[in-house]
Amino acid sequence: MTDILQEKRNVLIEAYTLAKKAEDVLRYSYGKIDPSQLGVSKHPDFLETQEAMAARFARLEDILIKKVFRAIAEVEFVDIQRFLDLLNLMEKLRIIDSAAQWIEMKELRNIIAHEYEFDDLLALYRKVYQFTPVLFSALEQVKRYLGKA
């Protein structure tokens, strides 16, 4: 392995390690959620857990796209500027199942990070819960990729 490739791989391993830490705390919040109570319970403790899960979802999604997926593109020696091109590469490498799904998740992450409306938080929390396993799956596929790269 060349020094340049090893350097790129080290950056990917660093990004993966960061993503694993983010995954651990998201899994903790995800595990505390009773899906039958999503959109039903307005108990403050449950709402706090849902809020933590949403913030942790946004953090992991952001790390995967901005750090892990970009690092994979570097290891592949692919110069990608556009978000959609990055997702298409991840789909081609079988890191993700659907670029369209990740576009929807990116929009959800932007709502979490930048919107301050509380009118439809329950629907937001349901979507976060629904998409969280997609993040876990992508991270598992990155682990598989690292075993091959």
Protein backbone atom coordinates (compact mmCIF):
# COMPACT_ATOMS: atom_id res chain seq x y z
CA MET A 1 0.00 0.00 0.00
CA THR A 2 1.39 3.39 -0.97
CA ASP A 3 2.01 6.07 1.63
CA ILE A 4 -0.67 8.29 0.07
CA LEU A 5 -3.26 5.53 0.16
CA GLN A 6 -2.30 4.61 3.73
CA GLU A 7 -2.67 8.25 4.74
CA LYS A 8 -6.15 8.39 3.16
CA ARG A 9 -7.08 5.12 4.86
CA ASN A 10 -5.92 6.51 8.23
CA VAL A 11 -8.20 9.52 7.75
CA LEU A 12 -11.06 7.13 7.01
CA ILE A 13 -10.30 5.05 10.12
CA GLU A 14 -10.28 8.23 12.22
CA ALA A 15 -13.64 9.29 10.76
CA TYR A 16 -15.06 5.81 11.31
CA THR A 17 -13.92 5.85 14.95
CA LEU A 18 -15.67 9.19 15.48
CA ALA A 19 -18.82 7.83 13.83
CA LYS A 20 -18.75 4.73 16.06
CA LYS A 21 -18.70 6.96 19.15
CA ALA A 22 -21.67 8.90 17.80
CA GLU A 23 -23.41 5.62 17.01
CA ASP A 24 -22.96 4.38 20.58
CA VAL A 25 -24.82 7.34 22.10
CA LEU A 26 -27.52 7.22 19.40
CA ARG A 27 -28.04 3.50 20.09
CA TYR A 28 -28.49 4.34 23.77
CA SER A 29 -31.25 6.86 23.02
CA TYR A 30 -32.80 4.63 20.35
CA GLY A 31 -32.93 1.74 22.82
CA LYS A 32 -34.82 3.85 25.35
CA ILE A 33 -37.63 4.62 22.90
CA ASP A 34 -40.85 2.65 23.01
CA PRO A 35 -42.05 2.94 19.39
CA SER A 36 -45.68 2.53 20.46
CA GLN A 37 -45.35 5.80 22.39
CA LEU A 38 -43.96 7.83 19.47
CA GLY A 39 -46.48 10.52 18.66
CA VAL A 40 -48.59 9.52 21.65
CA SER A 41 -46.74 10.19 24.89
CA LYS A 42 -46.17 13.79 25.89
CA HIS A 43 -44.44 12.90 29.14
CA PRO A 44 -41.47 15.28 29.63
CA ASP A 45 -38.95 12.45 30.17
CA PHE A 46 -40.05 10.71 26.98
CA LEU A 47 -39.94 13.98 25.03
CA GLU A 48 -36.44 14.62 26.36
CA THR A 49 -35.32 11.16 25.21
CA GLN A 50 -36.82 11.78 21.77
CA GLU A 51 -35.05 15.14 21.55
CA ALA A 52 -31.74 13.51 22.50
CA MET A 53 -32.29 10.83 19.87
CA ALA A 54 -33.02 13.46 17.20
CA ALA A 55 -29.88 15.46 18.05
CA ARG A 56 -27.76 12.32 18.06
CA PHE A 57 -29.31 11.17 14.77
CA ALA A 58 -28.39 14.52 13.18
CA ARG A 59 -24.84 14.30 14.52
CA LEU A 60 -24.22 10.77 13.21
CA GLU A 61 -25.80 11.53 9.84
CA ASP A 62 -23.56 14.59 9.53
CA ILE A 63 -20.40 12.68 10.50
CA LEU A 64 -21.18 9.91 8.04
CA ILE A 65 -21.71 12.28 5.11
CA LYS A 66 -19.12 14.95 5.83
CA LYS A 67 -16.35 12.81 7.22
CA VAL A 68 -16.79 9.09 6.56
CA PHE A 69 -18.30 9.14 3.06
CA ARG A 70 -15.90 11.89 1.95
CA ALA A 71 -12.97 9.89 3.31
CA ILE A 72 -14.15 6.83 1.38
CA ALA A 73 -14.27 8.93 -1.80
CA GLU A 74 -10.67 9.96 -1.08
CA VAL A 75 -9.59 6.33 -0.61
CA GLU A 76 -11.26 5.58 -3.94
CA PHE A 77 -9.37 8.53 -5.50
CA VAL A 78 -12.67 10.05 -6.65
CA ASP A 79 -12.95 13.84 -6.66
CA ILE A 80 -16.54 14.58 -5.68
CA GLN A 81 -17.98 18.02 -5.12
CA ARG A 82 -21.72 17.40 -5.33
CA PHE A 83 -23.67 15.72 -2.53
CA LEU A 84 -25.67 13.59 -4.96
CA ASP A 85 -22.48 12.31 -6.62
CA LEU A 86 -21.16 11.32 -3.20
CA LEU A 87 -24.35 9.40 -2.42
CA ASN A 88 -24.27 7.71 -5.82
CA LEU A 89 -20.71 6.55 -5.13
CA MET A 90 -21.75 5.20 -1.72
CA GLU A 91 -24.63 3.38 -3.38
CA LYS A 92 -22.27 1.92 -6.00
CA LEU A 93 -19.90 0.75 -3.24
CA ARG A 94 -22.91 -0.71 -1.37
CA ILE A 95 -22.31 1.45 1.67
CA ILE A 96 -25.90 2.69 1.39
CA ASP A 97 -28.98 1.16 -0.21
CA SER A 98 -30.60 4.28 -1.64
CA ALA A 99 -29.30 7.74 -2.49
CA ALA A 100 -32.90 9.01 -2.50
CA GLN A 101 -33.38 7.81 1.07
CA TRP A 102 -30.23 9.65 2.17
CA ILE A 103 -31.43 12.85 0.50
CA GLU A 104 -34.58 12.59 2.61
CA MET A 105 -32.47 11.94 5.70
CA LYS A 106 -30.31 14.97 4.93
CA GLU A 107 -33.45 17.10 4.73
CA LEU A 108 -34.58 15.66 8.07
CA ARG A 109 -31.18 16.47 9.58
CA ASN A 110 -31.47 20.05 8.32
CA ILE A 111 -34.89 20.40 9.92
CA ILE A 112 -33.49 19.11 13.22
CA ALA A 113 -30.49 21.44 13.07
CA HIS A 114 -32.12 24.60 11.73
CA GLU A 115 -35.84 24.64 12.40
CA TYR A 116 -37.30 25.92 15.60
CA GLU A 117 -40.95 25.09 15.09
CA PHE A 118 -42.52 22.74 17.58
CA ASP A 119 -45.80 22.14 15.75
CA ASP A 120 -44.97 18.75 14.29
CA LEU A 121 -42.23 17.42 16.53
CA LEU A 122 -43.99 14.12 17.00
CA ALA A 123 -43.90 13.41 13.25
CA LEU A 124 -40.24 14.44 13.22
CA TYR A 125 -39.43 12.00 16.02
CA ARG A 126 -41.25 9.18 14.20
CA LYS A 127 -39.14 9.82 11.08
CA VAL A 128 -35.93 9.92 13.12
CA TYR A 129 -36.84 6.61 14.73
CA GLN A 130 -37.66 5.12 11.33
CA PHE A 131 -34.38 6.24 9.71
CA THR A 132 -32.01 5.50 12.60
CA PRO A 133 -31.46 1.85 11.57
CA VAL A 134 -30.37 3.13 8.14
CA LEU A 135 -27.49 4.97 9.83
CA PHE A 136 -26.56 1.85 11.79
CA SER A 137 -26.59 -0.20 8.59
CA ALA A 138 -24.39 2.28 6.73
CA LEU A 139 -21.84 2.20 9.52
CA GLU A 140 -21.82 -1.60 9.40
CA GLN A 141 -21.18 -1.39 5.65
CA VAL A 142 -18.31 1.04 6.25
CA LYS A 143 -16.81 -1.53 8.62
CA ARG A 144 -17.14 -4.14 5.85
CA TYR A 145 -15.52 -1.70 3.38
CA LEU A 146 -12.62 -1.11 5.78
CA GLY A 147 -12.03 -4.84 5.91
CA LYS A 148 -11.60 -4.87 2.12
CA ALA A 149 -9.83 -1.54 1.55
